[in-house]
Protein backbone atom coordinates (compact mmCIF):
# COMPACT_ATOMS: atom_id res chain seq x y z
CA UNK A 1 0.00 0.00 0.00
CA UNK A 2 1.44 3.34 -0.99
CA UNK A 3 0.94 6.41 1.09
CA UNK A 4 -0.44 9.40 -0.79
CA UNK A 5 -0.08 13.03 0.20
CA UNK A 6 -1.45 14.00 3.60
CA UNK A 7 -4.80 15.73 3.20
CA UNK A 8 -6.10 18.19 5.71
CA UNK A 9 -9.70 17.90 6.82
CA UNK A 10 -11.97 20.45 5.20
CA UNK A 11 -13.41 23.27 7.24
CA UNK A 12 -16.33 24.06 4.90
CA UNK A 13 -19.21 21.80 3.96
CA UNK A 14 -19.32 20.05 0.60
CA UNK A 15 -22.35 22.19 -0.32
CA UNK A 16 -20.48 25.44 0.45
CA UNK A 17 -17.47 24.37 -1.60
CA UNK A 18 -19.67 23.14 -4.47
CA UNK A 19 -21.47 26.47 -4.65
CA UNK A 20 -18.16 28.31 -4.54
CA UNK A 21 -16.59 26.31 -7.39
CA UNK A 22 -19.69 25.60 -9.48
CA UNK A 23 -19.68 21.82 -9.08
CA UNK A 24 -21.87 19.32 -7.27
CA UNK A 25 -21.37 18.41 -3.60
CA UNK A 26 -20.70 14.84 -4.70
CA UNK A 27 -17.79 16.05 -6.85
CA UNK A 28 -16.33 17.89 -3.87
CA UNK A 29 -16.65 14.84 -1.62
CA UNK A 30 -15.04 12.51 -4.14
CA UNK A 31 -12.17 14.87 -4.92
CA UNK A 32 -11.17 15.81 -1.40
CA UNK A 33 -12.46 12.91 0.65
CA UNK A 34 -10.38 11.78 3.59
CA UNK A 35 -8.64 8.47 2.93
CA UNK A 36 -10.58 5.58 4.48
CA UNK A 37 -7.56 4.32 6.40
CA UNK A 38 -6.97 7.77 7.89
CA UNK A 39 -10.63 8.03 8.91
CA UNK A 40 -10.62 4.58 10.50
CA UNK A 41 -7.39 5.32 12.38
CA UNK A 42 -8.77 8.61 13.71
CA UNK A 43 -12.03 6.91 14.68
CA UNK A 44 -10.18 4.09 16.47
CA UNK A 45 -8.09 6.60 18.41
CA UNK A 46 -11.23 8.47 19.47
CA UNK A 47 -12.87 5.22 20.64
CA UNK A 48 -9.76 4.39 22.68
CA UNK A 49 -9.79 7.89 24.21
CA UNK A 50 -13.46 7.54 25.15
CA UNK A 51 -12.84 4.23 26.88
CA UNK A 52 -9.76 5.55 28.70
CA UNK A 53 -11.51 8.68 29.94
CA UNK A 54 -14.44 6.55 31.12
CA UNK A 55 -12.02 4.32 33.05
CA UNK A 56 -10.58 7.44 34.66
CA UNK A 57 -14.03 8.20 36.05
CA UNK A 58 -15.31 10.93 33.74
CA UNK A 59 -19.02 11.04 33.00
CA UNK A 60 -20.31 10.81 29.43
CA UNK A 61 -21.00 14.51 29.07
CA UNK A 62 -17.53 15.32 30.47
CA UNK A 63 -15.90 12.99 27.95
CA UNK A 64 -17.96 14.60 25.18
CA UNK A 65 -16.86 18.07 26.22
CA UNK A 66 -13.20 16.97 26.51
CA UNK A 67 -13.14 15.40 23.02
CA UNK A 68 -15.48 17.93 21.38
CA UNK A 69 -17.99 15.27 20.32
CA UNK A 70 -21.64 14.69 21.21
CA UNK A 71 -22.70 12.93 24.41
CA UNK A 72 -24.70 10.56 22.20
CA UNK A 73 -21.54 9.48 20.37
CA UNK A 74 -19.83 8.78 23.70
CA UNK A 75 -22.80 6.72 24.83
CA UNK A 76 -22.87 4.70 21.60
CA UNK A 77 -19.12 4.02 21.69
CA UNK A 78 -19.26 2.86 25.33
CA UNK A 79 -22.21 0.60 24.52
CA UNK A 80 -20.27 -0.88 21.57
CA UNK A 81 -17.25 -1.42 23.82
CA UNK A 82 -19.39 -3.26 26.40
CA UNK A 83 -20.89 -5.45 23.65
CA UNK A 84 -17.40 -6.24 22.37
CA UNK A 85 -16.32 -7.34 25.84
CA UNK A 86 -14.00 -4.41 26.57
CA UNK A 87 -13.30 -4.02 30.30
CA UNK A 88 -14.77 -0.66 31.32
CA UNK A 89 -13.90 -0.96 34.99
CA UNK A 90 -13.03 2.44 36.42
CA UNK A 91 -9.64 2.92 38.04
CA UNK A 92 -9.77 3.31 41.83
CA UNK A 93 -8.28 6.60 43.05
CA UNK A 94 -5.22 6.25 45.29
CA UNK A 95 -6.36 4.90 48.64
CA UNK A 96 -9.98 4.51 47.55
CA UNK A 97 -11.78 1.22 48.18
CA UNK A 98 -15.35 0.04 47.76
CA UNK A 99 -15.79 -0.04 51.53
CA UNK A 100 -15.16 3.72 51.94
CA UNK A 101 -18.34 4.62 50.09
CA UNK A 102 -20.53 2.56 52.41
CA UNK A 103 -21.85 3.87 55.71
C-alpha atoms as a PDB file:
ATOM      1  CA  UNK A   1       0.000   0.000   0.000  1.00  0.00           C
ATOM      2  CA  UNK A   2       1.440   3.339  -0.995  1.00  0.00           C
ATOM      3  CA  UNK A   3       0.940   6.408   1.088  1.00  0.00           C
ATOM      4  CA  UNK A   4      -0.442   9.396  -0.792  1.00  0.00           C
ATOM      5  CA  UNK A   5      -0.084  13.029   0.198  1.00  0.00           C
ATOM      6  CA  UNK A   6      -1.448  13.999   3.599  1.00  0.00           C
ATOM      7  CA  UNK A   7      -4.797  15.735   3.197  1.00  0.00           C
ATOM      8  CA  UNK A   8      -6.102  18.192   5.712  1.00  0.00           C
ATOM      9  CA  UNK A   9      -9.698  17.902   6.822  1.00  0.00           C
ATOM     10  CA  UNK A  10     -11.971  20.450   5.199  1.00  0.00           C
ATOM     11  CA  UNK A  11     -13.412  23.270   7.236  1.00  0.00           C
ATOM     12  CA  UNK A  12     -16.327  24.057   4.904  1.00  0.00           C
ATOM     13  CA  UNK A  13     -19.211  21.798   3.956  1.00  0.00           C
ATOM     14  CA  UNK A  14     -19.319  20.055   0.602  1.00  0.00           C
ATOM     15  CA  UNK A  15     -22.347  22.191  -0.319  1.00  0.00           C
ATOM     16  CA  UNK A  16     -20.478  25.436   0.452  1.00  0.00           C
ATOM     17  CA  UNK A  17     -17.473  24.369  -1.603  1.00  0.00           C
ATOM     18  CA  UNK A  18     -19.674  23.145  -4.466  1.00  0.00           C
ATOM     19  CA  UNK A  19     -21.467  26.474  -4.648  1.00  0.00           C
ATOM     20  CA  UNK A  20     -18.160  28.309  -4.540  1.00  0.00           C
ATOM     21  CA  UNK A  21     -16.592  26.306  -7.385  1.00  0.00           C
ATOM     22  CA  UNK A  22     -19.688  25.603  -9.476  1.00  0.00           C
ATOM     23  CA  UNK A  23     -19.682  21.825  -9.081  1.00  0.00           C
ATOM     24  CA  UNK A  24     -21.875  19.320  -7.268  1.00  0.00           C
ATOM     25  CA  UNK A  25     -21.369  18.411  -3.602  1.00  0.00           C
ATOM     26  CA  UNK A  26     -20.699  14.835  -4.705  1.00  0.00           C
ATOM     27  CA  UNK A  27     -17.789  16.053  -6.854  1.00  0.00           C
ATOM     28  CA  UNK A  28     -16.333  17.888  -3.874  1.00  0.00           C
ATOM     29  CA  UNK A  29     -16.655  14.840  -1.616  1.00  0.00           C
ATOM     30  CA  UNK A  30     -15.040  12.507  -4.142  1.00  0.00           C
ATOM     31  CA  UNK A  31     -12.172  14.874  -4.921  1.00  0.00           C
ATOM     32  CA  UNK A  32     -11.171  15.806  -1.402  1.00  0.00           C
ATOM     33  CA  UNK A  33     -12.465  12.908   0.652  1.00  0.00           C
ATOM     34  CA  UNK A  34     -10.383  11.778   3.594  1.00  0.00           C
ATOM     35  CA  UNK A  35      -8.637   8.471   2.933  1.00  0.00           C
ATOM     36  CA  UNK A  36     -10.584   5.581   4.476  1.00  0.00           C
ATOM     37  CA  UNK A  37      -7.556   4.317   6.404  1.00  0.00           C
ATOM     38  CA  UNK A  38      -6.971   7.771   7.894  1.00  0.00           C
ATOM     39  CA  UNK A  39     -10.628   8.034   8.908  1.00  0.00           C
ATOM     40  CA  UNK A  40     -10.615   4.577  10.500  1.00  0.00           C
ATOM     41  CA  UNK A  41      -7.387   5.322  12.380  1.00  0.00           C
ATOM     42  CA  UNK A  42      -8.770   8.614  13.711  1.00  0.00           C
ATOM     43  CA  UNK A  43     -12.030   6.912  14.679  1.00  0.00           C
ATOM     44  CA  UNK A  44     -10.183   4.088  16.472  1.00  0.00           C
ATOM     45  CA  UNK A  45      -8.094   6.599  18.411  1.00  0.00           C
ATOM     46  CA  UNK A  46     -11.229   8.474  19.469  1.00  0.00           C
ATOM     47  CA  UNK A  47     -12.868   5.223  20.642  1.00  0.00           C
ATOM     48  CA  UNK A  48      -9.764   4.395  22.679  1.00  0.00           C
ATOM     49  CA  UNK A  49      -9.791   7.887  24.214  1.00  0.00           C
ATOM     50  CA  UNK A  50     -13.455   7.544  25.149  1.00  0.00           C
ATOM     51  CA  UNK A  51     -12.840   4.225  26.884  1.00  0.00           C
ATOM     52  CA  UNK A  52      -9.764   5.550  28.696  1.00  0.00           C
ATOM     53  CA  UNK A  53     -11.512   8.683  29.941  1.00  0.00           C
ATOM     54  CA  UNK A  54     -14.441   6.547  31.117  1.00  0.00           C
ATOM     55  CA  UNK A  55     -12.025   4.320  33.047  1.00  0.00           C
ATOM     56  CA  UNK A  56     -10.582   7.435  34.660  1.00  0.00           C
ATOM     57  CA  UNK A  57     -14.029   8.203  36.053  1.00  0.00           C
ATOM     58  CA  UNK A  58     -15.310  10.928  33.737  1.00  0.00           C
ATOM     59  CA  UNK A  59     -19.023  11.040  32.995  1.00  0.00           C
ATOM     60  CA  UNK A  60     -20.306  10.809  29.434  1.00  0.00           C
ATOM     61  CA  UNK A  61     -21.002  14.515  29.073  1.00  0.00           C
ATOM     62  CA  UNK A  62     -17.534  15.322  30.474  1.00  0.00           C
ATOM     63  CA  UNK A  63     -15.902  12.985  27.948  1.00  0.00           C
ATOM     64  CA  UNK A  64     -17.960  14.602  25.176  1.00  0.00           C
ATOM     65  CA  UNK A  65     -16.856  18.074  26.218  1.00  0.00           C
ATOM     66  CA  UNK A  66     -13.197  16.968  26.511  1.00  0.00           C
ATOM     67  CA  UNK A  67     -13.137  15.404  23.022  1.00  0.00           C
ATOM     68  CA  UNK A  68     -15.482  17.925  21.376  1.00  0.00           C
ATOM     69  CA  UNK A  69     -17.992  15.266  20.325  1.00  0.00           C
ATOM     70  CA  UNK A  70     -21.643  14.688  21.213  1.00  0.00           C
ATOM     71  CA  UNK A  71     -22.696  12.933  24.405  1.00  0.00           C
ATOM     72  CA  UNK A  72     -24.699  10.558  22.204  1.00  0.00           C
ATOM     73  CA  UNK A  73     -21.544   9.478  20.373  1.00  0.00           C
ATOM     74  CA  UNK A  74     -19.827   8.782  23.701  1.00  0.00           C
ATOM     75  CA  UNK A  75     -22.804   6.717  24.833  1.00  0.00           C
ATOM     76  CA  UNK A  76     -22.868   4.699  21.604  1.00  0.00           C
ATOM     77  CA  UNK A  77     -19.117   4.016  21.693  1.00  0.00           C
ATOM     78  CA  UNK A  78     -19.262   2.863  25.334  1.00  0.00           C
ATOM     79  CA  UNK A  79     -22.213   0.598  24.521  1.00  0.00           C
ATOM     80  CA  UNK A  80     -20.274  -0.883  21.570  1.00  0.00           C
ATOM     81  CA  UNK A  81     -17.251  -1.417  23.819  1.00  0.00           C
ATOM     82  CA  UNK A  82     -19.395  -3.257  26.395  1.00  0.00           C
ATOM     83  CA  UNK A  83     -20.894  -5.448  23.652  1.00  0.00           C
ATOM     84  CA  UNK A  84     -17.401  -6.238  22.367  1.00  0.00           C
ATOM     85  CA  UNK A  85     -16.316  -7.338  25.840  1.00  0.00           C
ATOM     86  CA  UNK A  86     -14.001  -4.411  26.572  1.00  0.00           C
ATOM     87  CA  UNK A  87     -13.297  -4.019  30.299  1.00  0.00           C
ATOM     88  CA  UNK A  88     -14.769  -0.661  31.316  1.00  0.00           C
ATOM     89  CA  UNK A  89     -13.896  -0.962  34.993  1.00  0.00           C
ATOM     90  CA  UNK A  90     -13.030   2.438  36.421  1.00  0.00           C
ATOM     91  CA  UNK A  91      -9.642   2.925  38.038  1.00  0.00           C
ATOM     92  CA  UNK A  92      -9.768   3.314  41.827  1.00  0.00           C
ATOM     93  CA  UNK A  93      -8.278   6.595  43.047  1.00  0.00           C
ATOM     94  CA  UNK A  94      -5.222   6.245  45.291  1.00  0.00           C
ATOM     95  CA  UNK A  95      -6.359   4.899  48.638  1.00  0.00           C
ATOM     96  CA  UNK A  96      -9.978   4.509  47.549  1.00  0.00           C
ATOM     97  CA  UNK A  97     -11.781   1.221  48.176  1.00  0.00           C
ATOM     98  CA  UNK A  98     -15.346   0.041  47.764  1.00  0.00           C
ATOM     99  CA  UNK A  99     -15.790  -0.040  51.532  1.00  0.00           C
ATOM    100  CA  UNK A 100     -15.156   3.717  51.943  1.00  0.00           C
ATOM    101  CA  UNK A 101     -18.336   4.620  50.092  1.00  0.00           C
ATOM    102  CA  UNK A 102     -20.526   2.559  52.407  1.00  0.00           C
ATOM    103  CA  UNK A 103     -21.849   3.872  55.710  1.00  0.00           C
END
